[in-house]
Amino acid sequence: MVLDLTGENEDTVRAVMATLEERWATSGIAPVRRDPGEPGVRSRIYADILRPGREGP
């Protein structure tokens, strides 16, 4: 799964990535970028929601 995250600030986006990392196998805390002329910050992470040891949907 690919997750594109958009948030008001870097701290918020990093907190969301950390929470997702606790629940799923993810690509980890990714760089956060600011796009000129666009509000907020963005980041992208990859997640395996069927982490070994967890039941599927």
N, C-alpha and C. Protein backbone atom coordinates (compact mmCIF):
# COMPACT_ATOMS: atom_id res chain seq x y z
N MET A 1 0.85 -1.15 0.00
CA MET A 1 0.00 0.00 0.00
C MET A 1 0.91 1.23 0.00
N VAL A 2 0.55 2.25 -0.75
CA VAL A 2 1.27 3.52 -0.76
C VAL A 2 0.40 4.55 -0.09
N LEU A 3 0.97 5.25 0.88
CA LEU A 3 0.23 6.28 1.61
C LEU A 3 0.88 7.64 1.37
N ASP A 4 0.14 8.56 0.77
CA ASP A 4 0.59 9.93 0.62
C ASP A 4 -0.01 10.74 1.76
N LEU A 5 0.84 11.29 2.58
CA LEU A 5 0.40 12.04 3.76
C LEU A 5 0.56 13.53 3.53
N THR A 6 -0.43 14.29 3.95
CA THR A 6 -0.37 15.75 3.91
C THR A 6 -0.81 16.26 5.27
N GLY A 7 -0.04 17.17 5.82
CA GLY A 7 -0.37 17.71 7.13
C GLY A 7 0.03 19.16 7.26
N GLU A 8 -0.39 19.76 8.35
CA GLU A 8 -0.12 21.18 8.59
C GLU A 8 1.35 21.45 8.82
N ASN A 9 2.04 20.50 9.50
CA ASN A 9 3.45 20.73 9.82
C ASN A 9 4.20 19.40 9.90
N GLU A 10 5.53 19.50 9.94
CA GLU A 10 6.37 18.29 9.96
C GLU A 10 6.12 17.42 11.17
N ASP A 11 5.94 18.02 12.34
CA ASP A 11 5.72 17.23 13.56
C ASP A 11 4.49 16.35 13.44
N THR A 12 3.42 16.89 12.88
CA THR A 12 2.19 16.12 12.73
C THR A 12 2.38 14.95 11.77
N VAL A 13 2.99 15.21 10.62
CA VAL A 13 3.20 14.15 9.63
C VAL A 13 4.12 13.08 10.20
N ARG A 14 5.17 13.47 10.89
CA ARG A 14 6.08 12.48 11.49
C ARG A 14 5.38 11.66 12.57
N ALA A 15 4.50 12.27 13.34
CA ALA A 15 3.75 11.54 14.37
C ALA A 15 2.83 10.49 13.73
N VAL A 16 2.21 10.84 12.63
CA VAL A 16 1.34 9.89 11.93
C VAL A 16 2.18 8.73 11.39
N MET A 17 3.33 9.03 10.79
CA MET A 17 4.19 7.96 10.28
C MET A 17 4.64 7.03 11.40
N ALA A 18 4.98 7.58 12.56
CA ALA A 18 5.42 6.76 13.69
C ALA A 18 4.29 5.85 14.17
N THR A 19 3.07 6.36 14.21
CA THR A 19 1.92 5.56 14.63
C THR A 19 1.64 4.43 13.64
N LEU A 20 1.71 4.75 12.34
CA LEU A 20 1.50 3.71 11.34
C LEU A 20 2.57 2.63 11.43
N GLU A 21 3.80 3.04 11.73
CA GLU A 21 4.91 2.09 11.84
C GLU A 21 4.70 1.11 12.99
N GLU A 22 4.00 1.55 14.04
CA GLU A 22 3.71 0.67 15.17
C GLU A 22 2.70 -0.42 14.80
N ARG A 23 1.82 -0.12 13.86
CA ARG A 23 0.74 -1.03 13.51
C ARG A 23 1.03 -1.90 12.30
N TRP A 24 1.78 -1.37 11.36
CA TRP A 24 2.08 -2.07 10.12
C TRP A 24 3.57 -2.09 9.86
N ALA A 25 4.01 -2.96 8.97
CA ALA A 25 5.39 -2.92 8.49
C ALA A 25 5.45 -1.81 7.44
N THR A 26 6.17 -0.74 7.73
CA THR A 26 6.24 0.39 6.79
C THR A 26 7.69 0.64 6.36
N SER A 27 7.83 1.55 5.42
CA SER A 27 9.16 1.93 4.95
C SER A 27 9.85 2.87 5.94
N GLY A 28 9.20 3.15 7.06
CA GLY A 28 9.81 3.97 8.10
C GLY A 28 9.48 5.44 7.98
N ILE A 29 10.12 6.23 8.81
CA ILE A 29 9.90 7.68 8.80
C ILE A 29 10.58 8.23 7.55
N ALA A 30 9.80 8.76 6.64
CA ALA A 30 10.30 9.25 5.36
C ALA A 30 10.55 10.76 5.42
N PRO A 31 11.34 11.26 4.48
CA PRO A 31 11.55 12.71 4.42
C PRO A 31 10.22 13.44 4.21
N VAL A 32 10.13 14.61 4.80
CA VAL A 32 8.95 15.46 4.66
C VAL A 32 9.33 16.62 3.76
N ARG A 33 8.46 16.96 2.81
CA ARG A 33 8.79 18.05 1.88
C ARG A 33 7.71 19.12 1.89
N ARG A 34 8.12 20.30 1.51
CA ARG A 34 7.22 21.43 1.35
C ARG A 34 7.22 21.80 -0.13
N ASP A 35 6.05 21.80 -0.75
CA ASP A 35 5.95 22.17 -2.16
C ASP A 35 5.65 23.66 -2.26
N PRO A 36 6.46 24.41 -3.02
CA PRO A 36 6.25 25.85 -3.15
C PRO A 36 4.82 26.18 -3.60
N GLY A 37 4.22 27.12 -2.92
CA GLY A 37 2.87 27.56 -3.27
C GLY A 37 1.75 26.68 -2.76
N GLU A 38 2.08 25.57 -2.12
CA GLU A 38 1.07 24.66 -1.58
C GLU A 38 1.10 24.73 -0.05
N PRO A 39 -0.07 24.68 0.59
CA PRO A 39 -0.09 24.70 2.06
C PRO A 39 0.37 23.37 2.65
N GLY A 40 0.93 23.42 3.83
CA GLY A 40 1.31 22.21 4.56
C GLY A 40 2.55 21.53 4.03
N VAL A 41 2.75 20.30 4.52
CA VAL A 41 3.90 19.47 4.12
C VAL A 41 3.38 18.12 3.66
N ARG A 42 4.25 17.40 2.94
CA ARG A 42 3.86 16.11 2.38
C ARG A 42 4.95 15.07 2.59
N SER A 43 4.50 13.82 2.60
CA SER A 43 5.43 12.71 2.67
C SER A 43 4.74 11.49 2.10
N ARG A 44 5.53 10.48 1.74
CA ARG A 44 4.98 9.24 1.21
C ARG A 44 5.66 8.08 1.92
N ILE A 45 4.86 7.10 2.34
CA ILE A 45 5.41 5.88 2.92
C ILE A 45 4.73 4.68 2.26
N TYR A 46 5.40 3.56 2.40
CA TYR A 46 4.88 2.30 1.87
C TYR A 46 4.60 1.40 3.07
N ALA A 47 3.46 0.70 3.02
CA ALA A 47 3.07 -0.13 4.16
C ALA A 47 2.61 -1.51 3.70
N ASP A 48 2.95 -2.50 4.50
CA ASP A 48 2.45 -3.86 4.33
C ASP A 48 1.47 -4.08 5.47
N ILE A 49 0.18 -3.99 5.17
CA ILE A 49 -0.82 -4.08 6.24
C ILE A 49 -1.02 -5.49 6.75
N LEU A 50 -0.41 -6.47 6.09
CA LEU A 50 -0.51 -7.85 6.54
C LEU A 50 0.78 -8.28 7.24
N ARG A 51 1.27 -7.42 8.11
CA ARG A 51 2.50 -7.68 8.86
C ARG A 51 2.45 -9.07 9.49
N PRO A 52 3.51 -9.85 9.38
CA PRO A 52 3.53 -11.19 9.99
C PRO A 52 3.14 -11.12 11.47
N GLY A 53 2.31 -12.08 11.88
CA GLY A 53 1.89 -12.12 13.27
C GLY A 53 0.59 -11.37 13.52
N ARG A 54 0.09 -10.68 12.51
CA ARG A 54 -1.19 -9.97 12.64
C ARG A 54 -2.19 -10.62 11.70
N GLU A 55 -3.43 -10.64 12.10
CA GLU A 55 -4.47 -11.20 11.26
C GLU A 55 -4.81 -10.24 10.14
N GLY A 56 -5.15 -10.76 8.98
CA GLY A 56 -5.57 -9.93 7.86
C GLY A 56 -6.94 -9.33 8.08
N PRO A 57 -7.41 -8.53 7.13
CA PRO A 57 -8.73 -7.87 7.25
C PRO A 57 -9.88 -8.83 7.34
